[in-house]
Amino acid sequence: MFTGIIESMGRIVEARDLDTTRRFLVEAEAFARELKAGESIAVDGACLTAVAFEGNAFAVDVIGTTLERTVAGSYREGSRVNLERAMKMGARLDGHIVQGHVDGVGHLIRTLEDGEFWRMDFSIPRDVADTTILHGSIALNGVSLTVSDFLGDAEVQIGIIPHTWEHTNLGRLAPGDPVNVEGDLIGKYVGRILAARRP
């Protein structure tokens, strides 16, 4: 379980194909040496498992389903990624409940600078849009964000403050770039219950 409050940006330093998985070596100077094998870590919002370590980097093995359903399939050496360690029980929940179970991939449509902050418009998967509400929570590349406006059936606008712009990879996105999208947990459960009750 995560909060969507990014601890640091990391960097993919190696991407290597194994027999049935792809191994990424992720540089994380802030905390790589504190991790232990088997720990969960959100990489751009996708919950992955640290399996090995090299200096200030940790390795994760990613299977085909994850490569297809998340932005991990586009990672190359040098890719910047948002990192968050799992939430500790009893700690403050500063963002919102983020499972690290990515619902699909969205895309940046445009970025507009508005004084001291930025407005970013994203297309998101239809099923996520169906359970998203105005001023509700959404996680993009693992970042806990608030939906400030709906622009269409499956398009949302997000306001980005300077801290988020500078300390996550959202500020590095160009129009058309993909992002991991995780819808609000409560919205997903409510949607599933209502769907099951329909005649």
Protein backbone atom coordinates (compact mmCIF):
# COMPACT_ATOMS: atom_id res chain seq x y z
CA MET A 1 0.00 0.00 0.00
CA PHE A 2 1.24 3.48 -0.89
CA THR A 3 0.19 7.11 -0.45
CA GLY A 4 1.08 8.72 -3.79
CA ILE A 5 3.60 11.02 -2.10
CA ILE A 6 6.76 10.54 -4.16
CA GLU A 7 9.94 10.15 -2.11
CA SER A 8 12.39 10.72 -4.92
CA MET A 9 13.00 10.42 -8.61
CA GLY A 10 15.13 7.52 -9.70
CA ARG A 11 16.72 6.57 -12.99
CA ILE A 12 16.75 3.39 -15.02
CA VAL A 13 20.43 2.51 -15.36
CA GLU A 14 20.00 -0.87 -17.04
CA ALA A 15 17.23 -2.75 -18.84
CA ARG A 16 17.96 -6.41 -19.54
CA ASP A 17 15.75 -9.11 -21.06
CA LEU A 18 15.76 -12.44 -19.22
CA ASP A 19 14.05 -15.64 -20.40
CA THR A 20 10.50 -14.62 -19.46
CA THR A 21 10.88 -11.25 -17.72
CA ARG A 22 12.69 -7.95 -18.09
CA ARG A 23 15.01 -6.81 -15.30
CA PHE A 24 15.40 -3.11 -14.60
CA LEU A 25 18.18 -1.72 -12.43
CA VAL A 26 16.86 1.46 -10.82
CA GLU A 27 19.17 4.05 -9.32
CA ALA A 28 17.71 5.40 -6.08
CA GLU A 29 20.39 7.30 -4.19
CA ALA A 30 17.93 8.40 -1.49
CA PHE A 31 17.16 4.94 -0.10
CA ALA A 32 18.40 2.01 -2.21
CA ARG A 33 20.84 0.93 0.51
CA GLU A 34 17.99 0.79 3.05
CA LEU A 35 15.93 -1.70 1.04
CA LYS A 36 15.84 -5.43 1.62
CA ALA A 37 15.11 -8.18 -0.89
CA GLY A 38 11.38 -8.76 -1.17
CA GLU A 39 10.31 -5.22 -0.27
CA SER A 40 7.60 -3.58 -2.33
CA ILE A 41 8.33 -0.29 -4.04
CA ALA A 42 6.15 1.78 -6.34
CA VAL A 43 7.96 2.62 -9.57
CA ASP A 44 5.83 5.21 -11.40
CA GLY A 45 2.97 3.90 -9.28
CA ALA A 46 3.35 0.22 -10.18
CA CYS A 47 4.01 -2.01 -7.17
CA LEU A 48 7.21 -3.96 -7.89
CA THR A 49 9.50 -6.13 -5.76
CA ALA A 50 13.15 -5.33 -5.06
CA VAL A 51 15.06 -8.52 -5.88
CA ALA A 52 18.74 -7.52 -5.95
CA PHE A 53 21.03 -4.58 -5.23
CA GLU A 54 24.08 -2.90 -6.76
CA GLY A 55 25.44 0.11 -4.89
CA ASN A 56 22.81 2.87 -4.99
CA ALA A 57 20.50 0.86 -7.24
CA PHE A 58 17.95 -1.92 -6.82
CA ALA A 59 16.69 -4.42 -9.38
CA VAL A 60 13.10 -5.40 -10.20
CA ASP A 61 11.86 -8.18 -12.47
CA VAL A 62 8.83 -7.22 -14.56
CA ILE A 63 6.61 -9.81 -16.27
CA GLY A 64 4.90 -9.48 -19.64
CA THR A 65 1.50 -8.45 -18.29
CA THR A 66 3.00 -5.52 -16.41
CA LEU A 67 5.12 -4.51 -19.40
CA GLU A 68 1.97 -4.43 -21.54
CA ARG A 69 -0.35 -2.68 -19.07
CA THR A 70 2.01 -0.02 -17.69
CA VAL A 71 4.62 2.44 -18.92
CA ALA A 72 7.36 -0.01 -17.86
CA GLY A 73 7.38 -1.39 -21.40
CA SER A 74 8.76 1.95 -22.60
CA TYR A 75 11.58 2.23 -20.04
CA ARG A 76 15.05 2.69 -21.46
CA GLU A 77 18.40 3.44 -19.86
CA GLY A 78 18.15 7.00 -18.54
CA SER A 79 14.36 7.00 -18.04
CA ARG A 80 13.39 9.00 -14.96
CA VAL A 81 10.91 7.27 -12.63
CA ASN A 82 8.93 8.27 -9.55
CA LEU A 83 9.73 6.16 -6.47
CA GLU A 84 7.85 5.53 -3.24
CA ARG A 85 8.45 2.89 -0.60
CA ALA A 86 5.49 1.06 0.93
CA MET A 87 3.56 2.93 3.60
CA LYS A 88 4.29 2.00 7.21
CA MET A 89 1.34 1.05 9.39
CA GLY A 90 0.48 3.97 11.66
CA ALA A 91 2.17 6.57 9.47
CA ARG A 92 0.39 9.66 8.19
CA LEU A 93 -1.60 9.17 4.99
CA ASP A 94 -0.58 12.42 3.31
CA GLY A 95 -1.91 11.60 -0.16
CA HIS A 96 -4.59 8.95 -0.68
CA ILE A 97 -4.71 5.15 -0.62
CA VAL A 98 -2.76 3.91 -3.63
CA GLN A 99 -2.49 0.16 -4.16
CA GLY A 100 0.18 0.18 -6.83
CA HIS A 101 -2.18 -1.79 -9.07
CA VAL A 102 -2.15 0.20 -12.30
CA ASP A 103 -5.53 0.25 -14.08
CA GLY A 104 -4.14 1.26 -17.44
CA VAL A 105 -2.15 3.80 -19.39
CA GLY A 106 -3.21 7.38 -20.08
CA HIS A 107 -1.52 10.08 -22.15
CA LEU A 108 -0.66 13.73 -21.68
CA ILE A 109 -2.68 15.90 -24.05
CA ARG A 110 -1.26 19.33 -23.22
CA THR A 111 0.44 21.37 -20.51
CA LEU A 112 -0.47 25.00 -19.84
CA GLU A 113 1.53 27.22 -17.51
CA ASP A 114 -0.80 29.32 -15.35
CA GLY A 115 1.13 31.77 -13.19
CA GLU A 116 2.88 29.79 -10.45
CA PHE A 117 1.41 26.40 -11.40
CA TRP A 118 0.66 24.20 -14.39
CA ARG A 119 -2.55 22.73 -15.77
CA MET A 120 -2.04 19.31 -17.31
CA ASP A 121 -4.72 17.62 -19.41
CA PHE A 122 -4.70 13.83 -19.66
CA SER A 123 -6.69 11.17 -21.44
CA ILE A 124 -7.38 8.27 -19.10
CA PRO A 125 -8.84 4.78 -19.57
CA ARG A 126 -12.63 4.75 -19.95
CA ASP A 127 -13.19 2.44 -16.97
CA VAL A 128 -11.15 4.75 -14.72
CA ALA A 129 -13.09 7.79 -15.94
CA ASP A 130 -16.35 6.03 -15.03
CA THR A 131 -15.35 5.84 -11.35
CA THR A 132 -13.61 9.23 -11.11
CA ILE A 133 -15.31 12.28 -9.60
CA LEU A 134 -14.61 15.99 -9.75
CA HIS A 135 -12.18 16.93 -6.96
CA GLY A 136 -11.61 13.25 -6.33
CA SER A 137 -8.28 11.43 -6.21
CA ILE A 138 -6.33 9.86 -9.04
CA ALA A 139 -2.74 8.59 -9.24
CA LEU A 140 -0.69 9.40 -12.34
CA ASN A 141 2.78 7.83 -12.47
CA GLY A 142 2.24 7.12 -8.80
CA VAL A 143 1.59 10.76 -7.85
CA SER A 144 -1.47 11.44 -5.69
CA LEU A 145 -3.42 14.15 -7.51
CA THR A 146 -6.81 15.85 -7.45
CA VAL A 147 -9.07 16.03 -10.50
CA SER A 148 -9.73 19.74 -11.02
CA ASP A 149 -11.89 19.44 -14.15
CA PHE A 150 -13.40 17.04 -16.68
CA LEU A 151 -12.69 17.97 -20.29
CA GLY A 152 -14.51 15.12 -22.01
CA ASP A 153 -15.73 11.59 -21.51
CA ALA A 154 -12.28 10.30 -20.57
CA GLU A 155 -10.17 13.43 -20.21
CA VAL A 156 -9.24 15.16 -16.96
CA GLN A 157 -7.36 18.28 -15.98
CA ILE A 158 -4.91 18.28 -13.09
CA GLY A 159 -3.32 21.28 -11.38
CA ILE A 160 0.38 20.81 -10.62
CA ILE A 161 2.10 22.91 -7.95
CA PRO A 162 5.81 23.84 -8.29
CA HIS A 163 6.95 21.23 -5.74
CA THR A 164 5.30 18.39 -7.66
CA TRP A 165 6.57 19.79 -10.98
CA GLU A 166 10.15 19.81 -9.73
CA HIS A 167 10.21 16.61 -7.65
CA THR A 168 8.37 14.15 -9.92
CA ASN A 169 8.68 13.18 -13.55
CA LEU A 170 5.36 14.83 -14.47
CA GLY A 171 7.20 18.06 -15.30
CA ARG A 172 9.29 16.14 -17.85
CA LEU A 173 6.34 14.85 -19.86
CA ALA A 174 5.68 15.96 -23.43
CA PRO A 175 2.30 15.77 -25.21
CA GLY A 176 1.58 12.18 -26.17
CA ASP A 177 3.75 10.68 -23.43
CA PRO A 178 2.16 7.77 -21.52
CA VAL A 179 1.47 7.70 -17.78
CA ASN A 180 0.40 4.96 -15.41
CA VAL A 181 -3.15 5.55 -14.17
CA GLU A 182 -4.67 4.17 -10.99
CA GLY A 183 -8.22 5.18 -10.19
CA ASP A 184 -9.53 5.93 -6.73
CA LEU A 185 -9.88 2.73 -4.68
CA ILE A 186 -13.24 3.69 -3.17
CA GLY A 187 -14.64 4.62 -6.58
CA LYS A 188 -13.60 1.25 -8.01
CA TYR A 189 -15.30 -0.70 -5.24
CA VAL A 190 -18.50 1.35 -5.42
CA GLY A 191 -18.55 0.97 -9.20
CA ARG A 192 -18.11 -2.80 -8.96
CA ILE A 193 -20.91 -3.16 -6.38
CA LEU A 194 -23.33 -1.07 -8.43
CA ALA A 195 -22.49 -2.98 -11.62
CA ALA A 196 -23.20 -6.29 -9.87
CA ARG A 197 -26.64 -5.05 -8.77
CA ARG A 198 -27.79 -4.00 -12.23
CA PRO A 199 -30.46 -6.31 -13.70
